[in-house]
Amino acid sequence: MIALVQRVARASVSVDGKLASSIGKGILVLVGIFADDTDTDIEYCARKCAELRIFEDGERKMNRSVEDIGGEILVVSQFTLAARVRKGRRPSFDRAMQPDKASLMIGQFCDILRKRGLTVREGVFGALMDVELVNSGPVTIIVDSREKR
C-alpha cells in the first residue's frame, strides 16, 4: 500500500461539480492499494499516517502529528499510485487491487483512523474526482508498506 500524505491548510473533493467532502487543517492522504496488500499493510499505513510528525511545534520543528494537533484527514482512493511505468508511455495498473476489494480496504483504513479518535472524511470511491488542496509547506511524504516487509 502506498499512502501519499500531504500536510494541508484545507482540502476538498468534488464530484460532478458538487462538494463531496472537505477538511480544514490536517492531512490529505491519497491511497493506492496493491493486489497483494493485506490487513497488516492497511494497519501499518494507518498508524504511520496518524503518527507522522509533520506539523510544527512552538519551535518551528516538525514534532507534532495530525493526532497531536487535532487535525482532520481526507482520504482519497487513487489506484494510479500502483502504476508501473517501466515499459512504453502508457502506465500499467496490473498491480492495483480489484475495485471491490480495494473499496473494502479503503473503508478499513478509514475505520482504523476513526478508532484513534480522528476526524476522517472520504472521497468517492471509483468516481472521477476534483481534488483541491492548499499544501502547507509544502510537505508531502510517501508511506509505503512494502518498505517494512
Protein backbone atom coordinates (compact mmCIF):
# COMPACT_ATOMS: atom_id res chain seq x y z
CA MET A 1 0.00 0.00 0.00
CA ILE A 2 1.15 3.49 -0.77
CA ALA A 3 -0.18 6.49 1.12
CA LEU A 4 0.88 9.84 -0.28
CA VAL A 5 0.43 12.23 2.65
CA GLN A 6 0.18 15.97 2.15
CA ARG A 7 0.04 18.44 5.03
CA VAL A 8 -2.77 20.84 4.17
CA ALA A 9 -4.34 24.05 5.39
CA ARG A 10 -7.53 22.76 3.73
CA ALA A 11 -8.60 20.22 1.13
CA SER A 12 -11.78 19.14 -0.64
CA VAL A 13 -13.18 16.64 -3.11
CA SER A 14 -15.92 17.38 -5.61
CA VAL A 15 -17.74 15.06 -7.99
CA ASP A 16 -19.68 16.47 -10.94
CA GLY A 17 -19.18 19.97 -9.56
CA LYS A 18 -20.73 19.10 -6.18
CA LEU A 19 -18.74 19.14 -2.95
CA ALA A 20 -18.41 15.60 -1.59
CA SER A 21 -16.01 16.12 1.34
CA SER A 22 -13.79 18.78 2.82
CA ILE A 23 -11.41 19.32 5.72
CA GLY A 24 -9.58 22.16 7.37
CA LYS A 25 -6.06 21.86 8.77
CA GLY A 26 -4.76 18.31 8.63
CA ILE A 27 -3.64 15.81 6.02
CA LEU A 28 -4.83 14.73 2.60
CA VAL A 29 -4.00 11.05 2.09
CA LEU A 30 -4.03 9.65 -1.45
CA VAL A 31 -4.17 5.86 -1.10
CA GLY A 32 -3.04 3.24 -3.61
CA ILE A 33 -3.82 -0.39 -2.77
CA PHE A 34 -1.84 -3.18 -4.40
CA ALA A 35 -3.30 -6.59 -5.28
CA ASP A 36 -1.13 -8.33 -2.67
CA ASP A 37 -1.82 -5.92 0.20
CA THR A 38 -3.15 -7.38 3.45
CA ASP A 39 -4.69 -6.15 6.69
CA THR A 40 -1.13 -5.71 8.01
CA ASP A 41 -0.35 -3.22 5.22
CA ILE A 42 -3.52 -1.25 5.97
CA GLU A 43 -2.82 -1.15 9.71
CA TYR A 44 0.81 -0.11 9.17
CA CYS A 45 -0.08 2.78 6.85
CA ALA A 46 -2.97 3.98 9.03
CA ARG A 47 -0.71 4.07 12.09
CA LYS A 48 2.05 5.87 10.20
CA CYS A 49 -0.35 8.47 8.78
CA ALA A 50 -1.83 9.18 12.21
CA GLU A 51 1.55 9.41 13.93
CA LEU A 52 3.74 11.15 11.32
CA ARG A 53 5.31 14.17 12.99
CA ILE A 54 4.90 16.66 10.16
CA PHE A 55 3.32 19.62 11.97
CA GLU A 56 5.40 22.29 13.64
CA ASP A 57 5.70 22.74 17.38
CA GLY A 58 6.35 26.03 19.16
CA GLU A 59 9.97 25.98 17.99
CA ARG A 60 9.00 25.52 14.32
CA LYS A 61 10.25 21.93 14.29
CA MET A 62 8.16 19.14 12.81
CA ASN A 63 7.39 17.39 16.09
CA ARG A 64 3.61 17.09 16.07
CA SER A 65 1.27 14.63 14.36
CA VAL A 66 -2.22 15.14 12.97
CA GLU A 67 -3.42 13.45 16.19
CA ASP A 68 -1.43 15.90 18.31
CA ILE A 69 -2.91 18.98 16.65
CA GLY A 70 -6.49 17.65 16.48
CA GLY A 71 -6.34 17.91 12.68
CA GLU A 72 -8.59 16.28 10.12
CA ILE A 73 -7.88 13.68 7.46
CA LEU A 74 -9.25 13.49 3.93
CA VAL A 75 -8.72 10.03 2.40
CA VAL A 76 -8.91 9.69 -1.38
CA SER A 77 -8.52 6.35 -3.14
CA GLN A 78 -6.08 6.63 -6.04
CA PHE A 79 -5.36 3.38 -7.84
CA THR A 80 -2.95 5.22 -10.14
CA LEU A 81 -0.38 5.13 -7.31
CA ALA A 82 0.02 1.43 -8.14
CA ALA A 83 1.01 2.26 -11.72
CA ARG A 84 4.03 0.68 -13.34
CA VAL A 85 5.76 2.83 -15.97
CA ARG A 86 8.77 0.67 -16.84
CA LYS A 87 7.75 0.00 -20.42
CA GLY A 88 6.42 2.38 -23.01
CA ARG A 89 4.50 5.53 -22.26
CA ARG A 90 1.18 4.16 -21.04
CA PRO A 91 1.05 3.23 -17.34
CA SER A 92 0.12 -0.34 -16.43
CA PHE A 93 -2.23 -0.78 -13.48
CA ASP A 94 -1.95 -4.56 -13.23
CA ARG A 95 -0.52 -4.30 -9.70
CA ALA A 96 -3.60 -2.45 -8.36
CA MET A 97 -6.14 -4.34 -6.27
CA GLN A 98 -9.50 -5.06 -7.88
CA PRO A 99 -12.03 -2.29 -7.10
CA ASP A 100 -14.44 -4.36 -4.98
CA LYS A 101 -11.66 -5.48 -2.63
CA ALA A 102 -9.88 -2.12 -2.70
CA SER A 103 -13.07 -0.35 -1.64
CA LEU A 104 -13.26 -2.56 1.45
CA MET A 105 -9.59 -1.91 2.26
CA ILE A 106 -10.09 1.86 1.99
CA GLY A 107 -13.02 1.55 4.38
CA GLN A 108 -10.87 -0.46 6.78
CA PHE A 109 -8.09 2.17 6.57
CA CYS A 110 -10.58 4.94 7.45
CA ASP A 111 -12.11 2.90 10.27
CA ILE A 112 -8.68 2.39 11.88
CA LEU A 113 -8.07 6.14 11.81
CA ARG A 114 -11.53 6.88 13.23
CA LYS A 115 -10.97 4.41 16.07
CA ARG A 116 -7.98 6.55 17.03
CA GLY A 117 -10.39 9.45 17.53
CA LEU A 118 -9.52 11.26 14.31
CA THR A 119 -12.00 13.11 12.11
CA VAL A 120 -11.86 11.35 8.74
CA ARG A 121 -13.61 12.43 5.56
CA GLU A 122 -13.52 10.42 2.34
CA GLY A 123 -13.51 10.92 -1.38
CA VAL A 124 -15.98 8.99 -3.53
CA PHE A 125 -14.52 5.60 -4.38
CA GLY A 126 -14.37 4.96 -8.14
CA ALA A 127 -15.63 8.43 -9.09
CA LEU A 128 -13.87 10.97 -11.26
CA MET A 129 -13.00 13.47 -8.54
CA ASP A 130 -11.69 17.01 -8.49
CA VAL A 131 -9.35 17.33 -5.54
CA GLU A 132 -8.41 20.80 -4.32
CA LEU A 133 -5.88 21.50 -1.62
CA VAL A 134 -3.68 24.11 -0.10
CA ASN A 135 -0.45 22.22 0.62
CA SER A 136 1.08 23.71 3.74
CA GLY A 137 4.85 23.92 3.49
CA PRO A 138 4.73 22.15 1.07
CA VAL A 139 5.07 18.91 2.99
CA THR A 140 4.49 15.68 1.06
CA ILE A 141 5.52 12.27 2.43
CA ILE A 142 5.21 8.80 0.91
CA VAL A 143 4.34 5.95 3.27
CA ASP A 144 4.95 2.60 1.55
CA SER A 145 4.02 -0.54 3.49
CA ARG A 146 6.24 -2.62 1.22
CA GLU A 147 9.30 -0.97 2.82
CA LYS A 148 8.60 -2.79 6.09
CA ARG A 149 8.23 -6.22 4.51
